[in-house]
Amino acid sequence: MNTLLIGKGEQQVHLNLKYANRHGLIAGATGTGKTVSLMSLAEGFSRQGVPVFITDVKGDISGLAMAGTPSEKLLQRAAQIGIEDYHNEANPVVLWDLAGVQGHPLRTTISEMGPTLLSRILELNDTQSGILDIVFQLADDQGLLLLDLDDLRAMLALVAEERKDVSAKYGLISAQSLAVIQRSVLGLERDGGKDFFGEPALQLEDLMRTNLQGRGIINLLAANKLILTPRLYSSFLLWLLSELFENLPEVGDPEKPKLVFFIDEAHLLFEGCPPSLLKRVEQIMRLIRSKGVGVYFCSQFPDDVPGEILGQLGNRIQHALRAYTPRDQKAVKTAAETFVPNPKLVVSEVISQLGVGEALVSMLADKGVPTMVERALIAPPRCRMGPATSEELHQVRAQSPIGGKYDHSINRESAYELLNQRRTGVATSNPTSTASNTANDGQTGQKTEEQGWFSELIFGNKRRQGLAETLSKQAARTVGSQLGKQILRGILGGMLGKSSRR
């Protein structure tokens, strides 16, 4: 009962549950049966009480929730492999969707994502990533929660307003780099990031459930739209792996995994991955098995996975590869070199001759030693080998054990609200200052009126002449009189604040 039947070559091939946390790889060209192998493994783990998480990129894995249709062909294949009491049945499935449309919303917060992965989503360079680090540090120093994109935008606006002060304390921040980050955040929101960041955030225990019959729940993430934004897809997966690694307790080598994680289109996880982040993934893969988590990558070519990580994948199912191009030939060579040789098989030749539903299989046996590669027929799943309809998926969601826990978002007080309160408080919290400004305005007006009256007295207006004009006319009448000139200069100079000089 501690093994899963994978298929049959010369003899049956089993996966020992004790070594299922040593990770794995399912590879092969399009249309060779990778998805069926994934479904067969997933429901096998579920029957053994192991929860499963799968990313459904093409939408065709949703058939796990439905019972398959009986057929003579499937019964013959099951009998040929030696599967006892084969019958069609559905699996316990919980549907997830980052957008909340095809399943329960799956969210995290900006703080939980962290600046490193967020920089990758936003496609920032090193300088811009450094500024994002400062934004996170400033939020921590001021006790501001970063939960959603509104909070992040509010913090970026704060840094823009106080850029000189923030630069003096944390490091130089250029207006241009800050503007790039703000535009990237806007693009992330447009691509669906607004639904992903927020609360209630995912609780890991909800991915590690069993049903009342003791079967592991299969968590299915609808990723057919998410895959259109590869950075968000890959960063979400890296975040989830990091959360599992950081939060689950050490369990060593359990009798069976606590969770098995299937990643479809695995090459997207590593494309454009900076060396520092790739090192982090390698570290997680080395250590997460001791947390009871097995990670299985699904991709077309085995070399889609970096060599440092490929060497850690102990359980392998390799479907057919067509060696038509130099790229294909390189992939065939890589696949052949990663198997324990079997003297009865020339892997580099057989790998291009495999039929649909056939694969080269090597699993970890006693003491974690990989078995010789075996050409095997893959065991058929008992569920539907095709997608479920929209109506069926709606019914599955309605019966979900998660209920409405995540279906309604929560917007509690965080950076956005607190910073808005600060700005509003500056304008309205000091009525004395407002009254003082009003009084000053009144005094200024009164002073202006007094100055206007005095100016009219001295210089006059359109209707009457002023004192200056009167004296000047009087002085002008004193022809040749030096005293008249002095009087005129003295009066005008005194009024204009100038000294009188002869």
Protein backbone atom coordinates (compact mmCIF):
# COMPACT_ATOMS: atom_id res chain seq x y z
CA MET A 1 0.00 0.00 0.00
CA ASN A 2 3.05 2.29 0.16
CA THR A 3 3.61 2.32 -3.59
CA LEU A 4 1.94 3.76 -6.67
CA LEU A 5 1.67 1.65 -9.83
CA ILE A 6 3.13 3.74 -12.65
CA GLY A 7 2.97 1.24 -15.48
CA LYS A 8 4.46 -1.96 -16.83
CA GLY A 9 7.39 -2.89 -19.04
CA GLU A 10 8.94 -6.30 -18.58
CA GLN A 11 7.60 -5.98 -15.06
CA GLN A 12 5.46 -3.54 -13.13
CA VAL A 13 7.04 -0.18 -12.26
CA HIS A 14 6.12 1.36 -8.89
CA LEU A 15 6.79 4.67 -7.18
CA ASN A 16 7.73 4.17 -3.55
CA LEU A 17 5.81 6.77 -1.51
CA LYS A 18 8.73 7.01 0.90
CA TYR A 19 10.79 8.57 -1.90
CA ALA A 20 8.03 10.54 -3.57
CA ASN A 21 9.33 13.69 -1.86
CA ARG A 22 12.60 13.33 -3.82
CA HIS A 23 10.93 15.23 -6.67
CA GLY A 24 10.35 14.18 -10.26
CA LEU A 25 10.09 15.05 -13.94
CA ILE A 26 7.48 14.31 -16.61
CA ALA A 27 8.79 15.29 -20.05
CA GLY A 28 7.91 14.68 -23.67
CA ALA A 29 6.78 16.27 -26.91
CA THR A 30 3.27 17.62 -27.35
CA GLY A 31 0.66 14.89 -27.75
CA THR A 32 2.75 12.03 -26.35
CA GLY A 33 0.77 11.56 -23.12
CA LYS A 34 2.41 13.83 -20.49
CA THR A 35 -0.96 15.09 -19.23
CA VAL A 36 -2.35 11.59 -18.83
CA SER A 37 0.75 10.56 -16.86
CA LEU A 38 0.32 13.61 -14.63
CA MET A 39 -3.36 12.80 -14.01
CA SER A 40 -2.58 9.17 -13.26
CA LEU A 41 0.08 10.16 -10.72
CA ALA A 42 -2.14 12.83 -9.13
CA GLU A 43 -5.08 10.55 -8.52
CA GLY A 44 -2.72 7.82 -7.32
CA PHE A 45 -1.37 10.18 -4.65
CA SER A 46 -4.92 11.22 -3.77
CA ARG A 47 -6.00 7.61 -3.21
CA GLN A 48 -3.07 7.22 -0.84
CA GLY A 49 -4.24 10.21 1.21
CA VAL A 50 -1.64 12.66 -0.14
CA PRO A 51 -2.90 16.19 -1.03
CA VAL A 52 -1.87 17.46 -4.46
CA PHE A 53 -1.46 20.91 -6.05
CA ILE A 54 -1.51 21.18 -9.87
CA THR A 55 -1.27 24.13 -12.24
CA ASP A 56 -3.71 23.54 -15.12
CA VAL A 57 -2.22 25.55 -17.97
CA LYS A 58 -4.34 24.20 -20.85
CA GLY A 59 -7.57 23.54 -18.95
CA ASP A 60 -7.57 19.82 -19.75
CA ILE A 61 -6.66 18.56 -16.27
CA SER A 62 -10.04 19.57 -14.83
CA GLY A 63 -11.30 16.11 -15.84
CA LEU A 64 -9.77 14.90 -12.54
CA ALA A 65 -13.00 16.06 -10.90
CA MET A 66 -15.15 13.80 -13.10
CA ALA A 67 -15.42 10.04 -13.41
CA GLY A 68 -14.13 8.63 -16.69
CA THR A 69 -16.22 6.85 -19.30
CA PRO A 70 -15.88 3.04 -19.29
CA SER A 71 -14.40 1.60 -22.48
CA GLU A 72 -13.14 -1.78 -23.61
CA LYS A 73 -9.81 -0.27 -24.60
CA LEU A 74 -9.14 1.10 -21.10
CA LEU A 75 -10.16 -2.20 -19.47
CA GLN A 76 -7.79 -4.13 -21.73
CA ARG A 77 -4.94 -1.73 -20.95
CA ALA A 78 -5.62 -1.96 -17.21
CA ALA A 79 -5.62 -5.76 -17.43
CA GLN A 80 -2.41 -5.76 -19.47
CA ILE A 81 -0.64 -3.65 -16.84
CA GLY A 82 -2.11 -5.70 -14.00
CA ILE A 83 -4.32 -3.10 -12.33
CA GLU A 84 -6.75 -4.83 -9.99
CA ASP A 85 -10.37 -3.67 -9.52
CA TYR A 86 -9.99 -0.95 -12.14
CA HIS A 87 -13.11 1.22 -12.33
CA ASN A 88 -13.89 4.81 -13.25
CA GLU A 89 -14.26 7.34 -10.44
CA ALA A 90 -14.00 11.05 -9.75
CA ASN A 91 -11.43 12.62 -7.44
CA PRO A 92 -11.97 15.19 -4.66
CA VAL A 93 -10.99 18.48 -6.28
CA VAL A 94 -10.85 22.09 -5.07
CA LEU A 95 -10.68 24.73 -7.81
CA TRP A 96 -8.50 27.84 -7.50
CA ASP A 97 -8.04 30.85 -9.73
CA LEU A 98 -5.96 33.99 -9.12
CA ALA A 99 -8.74 36.04 -10.71
CA GLY A 100 -11.47 34.24 -8.73
CA VAL A 101 -13.46 33.40 -11.89
CA GLN A 102 -12.87 29.68 -12.39
CA GLY A 103 -12.28 28.85 -8.74
CA HIS A 104 -11.69 30.26 -5.28
CA PRO A 105 -9.56 33.42 -5.37
CA LEU A 106 -5.97 32.69 -4.46
CA ARG A 107 -4.34 35.74 -2.90
CA THR A 108 -1.23 36.85 -1.11
CA THR A 109 -0.13 40.23 0.22
CA ILE A 110 2.56 42.53 -1.09
CA SER A 111 4.55 42.01 2.12
CA GLU A 112 4.40 38.22 1.85
CA MET A 113 5.52 38.33 -1.77
CA GLY A 114 8.54 40.47 -0.80
CA PRO A 115 10.65 42.87 -2.89
CA THR A 116 12.75 40.20 -4.66
CA LEU A 117 9.91 38.30 -6.31
CA LEU A 118 7.91 41.48 -6.82
CA SER A 119 10.85 42.99 -8.70
CA ARG A 120 10.83 39.95 -10.98
CA ILE A 121 7.11 40.32 -11.67
CA LEU A 122 7.58 44.02 -12.45
CA GLU A 123 10.66 43.26 -14.62
CA LEU A 124 12.82 45.81 -12.80
CA ASN A 125 16.57 46.22 -13.24
CA ASP A 126 19.01 46.18 -10.33
CA THR A 127 18.75 49.90 -9.64
CA GLN A 128 14.95 49.85 -9.65
CA SER A 129 14.92 46.71 -7.49
CA GLY A 130 17.10 48.56 -4.97
CA ILE A 131 14.52 51.36 -4.82
CA LEU A 132 11.78 48.79 -4.20
CA ASP A 133 13.86 47.45 -1.30
CA ILE A 134 13.90 50.98 0.13
CA VAL A 135 10.11 51.26 -0.24
CA PHE A 136 9.63 48.05 1.76
CA GLN A 137 12.12 49.17 4.42
CA LEU A 138 10.44 52.57 4.73
CA ALA A 139 7.06 50.87 5.18
CA ASP A 140 8.51 48.67 7.92
CA ASP A 141 10.13 51.61 9.69
CA GLN A 142 6.86 53.55 9.68
CA GLY A 143 4.72 50.56 10.67
CA LEU A 144 2.72 50.59 7.43
CA LEU A 145 1.18 47.35 6.14
CA LEU A 146 1.64 46.55 2.45
CA LEU A 147 -1.31 44.35 1.56
CA ASP A 148 -2.45 45.27 -1.94
CA LEU A 149 -1.40 47.33 -4.95
CA ASP A 150 -3.12 50.43 -3.54
CA ASP A 151 -0.75 50.25 -0.57
CA LEU A 152 2.27 49.87 -2.84
CA ARG A 153 1.21 52.83 -4.98
CA ALA A 154 0.64 54.96 -1.87
CA MET A 155 4.17 54.15 -0.64
CA LEU A 156 5.66 55.00 -4.03
CA ALA A 157 3.79 58.30 -3.99
CA LEU A 158 5.12 59.02 -0.49
CA VAL A 159 8.69 58.34 -1.63
CA ALA A 160 8.17 60.60 -4.65
CA GLU A 161 6.92 63.45 -2.41
CA GLU A 162 9.73 63.06 0.13
CA ARG A 163 12.40 61.85 -2.27
CA LYS A 164 15.21 64.08 -0.98
CA ASP A 165 14.67 63.15 2.66
CA VAL A 166 14.28 59.45 1.86
CA SER A 167 17.39 59.52 -0.34
CA ALA A 168 19.41 61.13 2.44
CA LYS A 169 18.43 58.35 4.87
CA TYR A 170 18.23 55.22 2.72
CA GLY A 171 20.15 55.91 -0.48
CA LEU A 172 19.80 57.89 -3.68
CA ILE A 173 16.45 57.56 -5.44
CA SER A 174 16.11 58.96 -8.94
CA ALA A 175 12.78 60.32 -10.13
CA GLN A 176 13.14 58.43 -13.42
CA SER A 177 13.58 55.02 -11.76
CA LEU A 178 10.69 55.71 -9.43
CA ALA A 179 8.47 56.58 -12.39
CA VAL A 180 9.41 53.28 -14.09
CA ILE A 181 8.33 51.34 -11.00
CA GLN A 182 5.03 53.23 -10.85
CA ARG A 183 4.31 52.46 -14.51
CA SER A 184 5.20 48.78 -13.97
CA VAL A 185 2.78 48.58 -11.05
CA LEU A 186 0.08 50.01 -13.30
CA GLY A 187 0.83 47.32 -15.90
CA LEU A 188 0.73 44.60 -13.23
CA GLU A 189 -2.70 45.79 -12.12
CA ARG A 190 -3.92 45.66 -15.71
CA ASP A 191 -2.63 42.08 -16.06
CA GLY A 192 -4.63 40.83 -13.06
CA GLY A 193 -2.32 41.66 -10.18
CA LYS A 194 -5.05 43.62 -8.44
CA ASP A 195 -6.97 40.37 -7.84
CA PHE A 196 -3.88 38.46 -6.69
CA PHE A 197 -2.69 40.89 -4.01
CA GLY A 198 -4.98 41.36 -1.04
CA GLU A 199 -6.77 39.56 1.75
CA PRO A 200 -7.81 37.02 2.87
CA ALA A 201 -4.42 35.59 1.97
CA LEU A 202 -3.98 31.88 1.30
CA GLN A 203 -3.43 29.66 4.35
CA LEU A 204 -1.18 26.74 3.48
CA GLU A 205 -3.19 24.25 5.51
CA ASP A 206 -6.05 24.70 3.02
CA LEU A 207 -3.82 23.12 0.35
CA MET A 208 -3.08 20.12 2.55
CA ARG A 209 -6.54 18.72 3.24
CA THR A 210 -8.01 15.24 3.03
CA ASN A 211 -11.70 14.44 2.67
CA LEU A 212 -13.87 12.35 5.01
CA GLN A 213 -12.84 9.16 3.21
CA GLY A 214 -9.16 9.91 3.81
CA ARG A 215 -8.38 10.80 0.20
CA GLY A 216 -6.04 13.67 -0.49
CA ILE A 217 -7.67 16.78 -1.97
CA ILE A 218 -6.42 17.69 -5.45
CA ASN A 219 -6.02 21.48 -5.65
CA LEU A 220 -6.36 22.60 -9.25
CA LEU A 221 -5.16 26.09 -10.20
CA ALA A 222 -6.77 27.40 -13.39
CA ALA A 223 -3.76 28.89 -15.18
CA ASN A 224 -5.00 29.10 -18.77
CA LYS A 225 -5.20 32.90 -18.50
CA LEU A 226 -2.44 33.30 -15.94
CA ILE A 227 0.01 31.73 -18.39
CA LEU A 228 -0.45 34.79 -20.65
CA THR A 229 1.55 36.73 -18.06
CA PRO A 230 4.52 34.35 -17.60
CA ARG A 231 6.28 36.55 -15.03
CA LEU A 232 3.26 36.57 -12.75
CA TYR A 233 2.78 32.81 -13.24
CA SER A 234 6.38 31.90 -12.45
CA SER A 235 6.69 34.35 -9.57
CA PHE A 236 3.50 32.99 -8.01
CA LEU A 237 4.92 29.47 -8.14
CA LEU A 238 8.23 30.58 -6.65
CA TRP A 239 6.37 32.42 -3.90
CA LEU A 240 4.26 29.37 -3.07
CA LEU A 241 7.31 27.10 -2.94
CA SER A 242 9.06 29.64 -0.70
CA GLU A 243 6.03 29.79 1.62
CA LEU A 244 5.95 26.00 1.92
CA PHE A 245 9.68 25.90 2.59
CA GLU A 246 9.64 28.65 5.21
CA ASN A 247 6.48 27.67 7.09
CA LEU A 248 6.25 23.88 7.14
CA PRO A 249 8.03 22.01 9.96
CA GLU A 250 10.86 19.57 9.37
CA VAL A 251 9.65 15.97 9.07
CA GLY A 252 12.72 14.24 7.60
CA ASP A 253 11.75 11.35 5.33
CA PRO A 254 8.08 10.55 6.07
CA GLU A 255 6.36 7.36 4.93
CA LYS A 256 4.48 9.45 2.38
CA PRO A 257 4.60 13.14 1.35
CA LYS A 258 2.52 15.80 3.05
CA LEU A 259 1.97 17.50 -0.32
CA VAL A 260 2.91 16.84 -3.94
CA PHE A 261 3.32 19.87 -6.19
CA PHE A 262 2.98 19.52 -10.01
CA ILE A 263 4.23 22.44 -12.11
CA ASP A 264 3.11 22.41 -15.75
CA GLU A 265 5.09 24.36 -18.40
CA ALA A 266 8.04 24.32 -16.00
CA HIS A 267 10.34 26.14 -18.42
CA LEU A 268 8.46 29.37 -17.62
CA LEU A 269 9.68 29.10 -14.05
CA PHE A 270 13.30 29.50 -15.11
CA GLU A 271 13.18 31.77 -18.19
CA GLY A 272 14.81 35.08 -17.36
CA CYS A 273 15.41 33.98 -13.79
CA PRO A 274 18.34 36.00 -12.34
CA PRO A 275 21.22 33.95 -10.90
CA SER A 276 20.46 34.98 -7.31
CA LEU A 277 16.86 33.83 -7.62
CA LEU A 278 17.87 30.62 -9.39
CA LYS A 279 20.21 29.90 -6.49
CA ARG A 280 17.28 30.39 -4.15
CA VAL A 281 15.15 27.90 -6.13
CA GLU A 282 17.98 25.37 -6.07
CA GLN A 283 18.25 25.75 -2.30
CA ILE A 284 14.50 25.32 -1.84
CA MET A 285 14.49 22.18 -3.98
CA ARG A 286 17.31 20.67 -1.93
CA LEU A 287 15.67 21.35 1.41
CA ILE A 288 11.91 21.31 0.84
CA ARG A 289 11.85 17.51 0.63
CA SER A 290 12.65 17.41 4.35
CA LYS A 291 9.39 19.33 4.85
CA GLY A 292 7.53 16.43 3.21
CA VAL A 293 6.90 18.21 -0.11
CA GLY A 294 7.62 16.60 -3.48
CA VAL A 295 7.86 18.81 -6.59
CA TYR A 296 7.24 17.37 -10.07
CA PHE A 297 8.08 19.42 -13.15
CA CYS A 298 6.20 18.89 -16.43
CA SER A 299 7.81 20.20 -19.61
CA GLN A 300 8.54 19.26 -23.20
CA PHE A 301 12.30 18.92 -22.83
CA PRO A 302 14.27 17.69 -19.83
CA ASP A 303 16.86 20.43 -20.29
CA ASP A 304 14.14 23.05 -19.75
CA VAL A 305 15.06 22.52 -16.10
CA PRO A 306 18.51 23.87 -15.08
CA GLY A 307 21.14 21.19 -14.51
CA GLU A 308 21.55 22.02 -10.81
CA ILE A 309 17.86 21.25 -10.26
CA LEU A 310 17.55 18.47 -12.85
CA GLY A 311 20.07 16.42 -10.87
CA GLN A 312 17.73 16.49 -7.85
CA LEU A 313 14.77 14.94 -9.69
CA GLY A 314 14.86 11.28 -8.71
CA ASN A 315 11.59 9.98 -10.25
CA ARG A 316 11.33 10.35 -14.02
CA ILE A 317 8.80 9.66 -16.75
CA GLN A 318 10.12 10.48 -20.21
CA HIS A 319 7.67 10.37 -23.12
CA ALA A 320 8.65 10.50 -26.79
CA LEU A 321 10.90 13.19 -28.23
CA ARG A 322 11.17 13.77 -31.95
CA ALA A 323 14.77 14.45 -32.98
CA TYR A 324 14.03 16.63 -36.01
CA THR A 325 16.10 19.70 -35.15
CA PRO A 326 19.46 20.27 -33.44
CA ARG A 327 17.50 21.48 -30.40
CA ASP A 328 15.55 18.20 -30.32
CA GLN A 329 18.70 16.13 -30.77
CA LYS A 330 20.32 17.89 -27.83
CA ALA A 331 17.23 17.20 -25.70
CA VAL A 332 17.32 13.50 -26.64
CA LYS A 333 20.97 13.30 -25.63
CA THR A 334 20.25 15.04 -22.31
CA ALA A 335 17.35 12.68 -21.58
CA ALA A 336 19.44 9.61 -22.38
CA GLU A 337 22.29 10.74 -20.12
CA THR A 338 20.04 11.30 -17.11
CA PHE A 339 18.81 7.68 -16.92
CA VAL A 340 20.53 4.72 -15.31
CA PRO A 341 21.52 2.64 -18.38
CA ASN A 342 19.66 -0.55 -19.20
CA PRO A 343 21.73 -3.00 -21.29
CA LYS A 344 18.53 -4.08 -23.06
CA LEU A 345 17.71 -0.52 -24.24
CA VAL A 346 19.47 2.08 -26.36
CA VAL A 347 17.71 5.09 -24.84
CA SER A 348 18.77 7.59 -27.51
CA GLU A 349 17.05 5.43 -30.15
CA VAL A 350 14.02 4.21 -28.17
CA ILE A 351 13.07 7.70 -27.01
CA SER A 352 12.00 8.69 -30.53
CA GLN A 353 10.12 5.41 -31.09
CA LEU A 354 7.77 5.58 -28.09
CA GLY A 355 4.06 5.52 -28.85
CA VAL A 356 1.36 7.59 -27.15
CA GLY A 357 0.95 6.35 -23.59
CA GLU A 358 4.41 4.80 -23.54
CA ALA A 359 7.36 6.23 -21.63
CA LEU A 360 10.84 5.54 -20.36
CA VAL A 361 10.48 5.29 -16.59
CA SER A 362 12.97 5.30 -13.73
CA MET A 363 11.93 5.54 -10.07
CA LEU A 364 13.81 5.61 -6.78
CA ALA A 365 13.93 2.19 -5.16
CA ASP A 366 15.29 1.03 -1.80
CA LYS A 367 17.75 3.42 -0.14
CA GLY A 368 16.85 6.05 -2.73
CA VAL A 369 18.79 4.40 -5.56
CA PRO A 370 17.25 4.97 -9.04
CA THR A 371 16.20 1.89 -10.94
CA MET A 372 17.38 1.07 -14.47
CA VAL A 373 15.33 2.80 -17.13
CA GLU A 374 12.34 0.75 -18.27
CA ARG A 375 10.16 1.10 -21.36
CA ALA A 376 6.65 0.96 -19.95
CA LEU A 377 2.97 1.36 -20.73
CA ILE A 378 1.62 4.08 -18.42
CA ALA A 379 -1.33 3.16 -16.21
CA PRO A 380 -4.55 4.89 -17.32
CA PRO A 381 -6.26 7.24 -14.87
CA ARG A 382 -9.75 6.46 -13.59
CA CYS A 383 -11.01 10.00 -14.09
CA ARG A 384 -12.11 11.66 -17.32
CA MET A 385 -9.23 12.16 -19.75
CA GLY A 386 -10.47 15.52 -20.94
CA PRO A 387 -11.74 18.82 -19.52
CA ALA A 388 -14.86 19.19 -17.40
CA THR A 389 -17.64 21.46 -18.64
CA SER A 390 -18.35 24.86 -17.12
CA GLU A 391 -21.52 23.56 -15.49
CA GLU A 392 -19.65 20.64 -13.93
CA LEU A 393 -16.92 22.92 -12.61
CA HIS A 394 -19.55 25.24 -11.13
CA GLN A 395 -21.03 22.29 -9.26
CA VAL A 396 -17.57 21.21 -8.02
CA ARG A 397 -16.94 24.69 -6.69
CA ALA A 398 -20.32 24.78 -4.96
CA GLN A 399 -19.43 21.58 -3.08
CA SER A 400 -15.97 22.78 -2.09
CA PRO A 401 -14.88 22.09 1.51
CA ILE A 402 -13.27 25.56 1.54
CA GLY A 403 -16.72 27.13 1.29
CA GLY A 404 -16.81 30.91 1.01
CA LYS A 405 -13.63 31.47 3.02
CA TYR A 406 -11.79 33.22 0.19
CA ASP A 407 -14.61 34.29 -2.09
CA HIS A 408 -15.04 37.80 -0.63
CA SER A 409 -12.11 40.16 -0.34
CA ILE A 410 -11.28 42.10 2.83
CA ASN A 411 -9.82 45.61 2.76
CA ARG A 412 -8.53 46.45 6.23
CA GLU A 413 -6.62 49.54 7.25
CA SER A 414 -3.13 49.53 5.75
CA ALA A 415 -0.61 51.89 4.13
CA TYR A 416 -3.07 53.39 1.62
CA GLU A 417 -5.67 54.34 4.25
CA LEU A 418 -3.14 55.57 6.84
CA LEU A 419 -1.24 57.75 4.38
CA ASN A 420 -4.52 59.26 3.14
CA GLN A 421 -5.45 60.02 6.75
CA ARG A 422 -2.10 61.77 7.22
CA ARG A 423 -2.63 63.95 4.16
CA THR A 424 -6.19 64.80 5.18
CA GLY A 425 -5.08 65.48 8.75
CA VAL A 426 -2.49 68.04 7.66
CA ALA A 427 -5.20 70.05 5.91
CA THR A 428 -7.96 69.88 8.55
CA SER A 429 -6.51 69.00 11.95
CA ASN A 430 -5.28 72.57 12.79
CA PRO A 431 -8.27 74.95 12.75
CA THR A 432 -6.28 77.56 14.73
CA SER A 433 -3.84 77.78 11.87
CA THR A 434 -6.73 78.32 9.44
CA ALA A 435 -8.23 81.04 11.63
CA SER A 436 -4.83 82.67 11.94
CA ASN A 437 -4.45 82.65 8.16
CA THR A 438 -7.90 84.23 7.83
CA ALA A 439 -6.99 86.93 10.38
CA ASN A 440 -3.73 87.61 8.59
CA ASP A 441 -5.62 87.90 5.32
CA GLY A 442 -7.97 90.42 7.00
CA GLN A 443 -5.09 92.43 8.39
CA THR A 444 -3.40 92.41 5.03
CA GLY A 445 -6.61 93.66 3.41
CA GLN A 446 -6.98 96.39 6.01
CA LYS A 447 -3.37 97.43 5.53
CA THR A 448 -3.90 97.54 1.80
CA GLU A 449 -6.95 99.75 2.22
CA GLU A 450 -4.99 102.12 4.49
CA GLN A 451 -2.15 102.31 2.00
CA GLY A 452 -4.65 103.05 -0.76
CA TRP A 453 -6.22 105.92 1.23
CA PHE A 454 -2.79 107.41 2.01
CA SER A 455 -1.73 107.14 -1.63
CA GLU A 456 -4.84 108.99 -2.74
CA LEU A 457 -4.14 111.71 -0.13
CA ILE A 458 -0.62 112.24 -1.44
CA PHE A 459 -1.01 111.58 -5.15
CA GLY A 460 -4.72 112.09 -5.67
CA ASN A 461 -7.01 110.29 -8.07
CA LYS A 462 -8.92 110.99 -11.26
CA ARG A 463 -11.36 113.29 -9.47
CA ARG A 464 -9.08 115.35 -7.21
CA GLN A 465 -5.42 116.32 -6.94
CA GLY A 466 -3.23 115.19 -4.11
CA LEU A 467 -0.88 116.97 -1.76
CA ALA A 468 2.15 116.26 -3.93
CA GLU A 469 0.57 117.76 -7.02
CA THR A 470 -0.53 120.84 -5.05
CA LEU A 471 2.93 121.44 -3.64
CA SER A 472 4.63 120.83 -6.97
CA LYS A 473 2.44 123.40 -8.66
CA GLN A 474 3.10 125.85 -5.88
CA ALA A 475 6.82 125.19 -6.13
CA ALA A 476 6.77 125.63 -9.86
CA ARG A 477 5.33 129.06 -9.41
CA THR A 478 8.39 130.07 -7.39
CA VAL A 479 10.51 130.59 -10.50
CA GLY A 480 14.25 130.48 -9.75
CA SER A 481 13.55 129.75 -6.15
CA GLN A 482 16.05 127.14 -4.80
CA LEU A 483 13.83 126.71 -1.75
CA GLY A 484 10.93 125.50 -3.92
CA LYS A 485 13.08 122.83 -5.51
CA GLN A 486 14.31 121.65 -2.14
CA ILE A 487 10.78 121.44 -0.78
CA LEU A 488 9.64 119.35 -3.75
CA ARG A 489 12.58 116.90 -3.51
CA GLY A 490 12.24 116.73 0.27
CA ILE A 491 8.56 115.82 0.24
CA LEU A 492 8.82 113.25 -2.62
CA GLY A 493 12.04 111.77 -1.26
CA GLY A 494 10.53 111.30 2.19
CA MET A 495 7.44 109.61 0.77
CA LEU A 496 9.45 107.29 -1.51
CA GLY A 497 12.04 106.43 1.21
CA LYS A 498 14.96 108.12 -0.53
CA SER A 499 17.43 110.61 0.88
CA SER A 500 17.52 114.07 -0.64
CA ARG A 501 20.79 115.05 -2.13
CA ARG A 502 21.61 118.15 -3.96
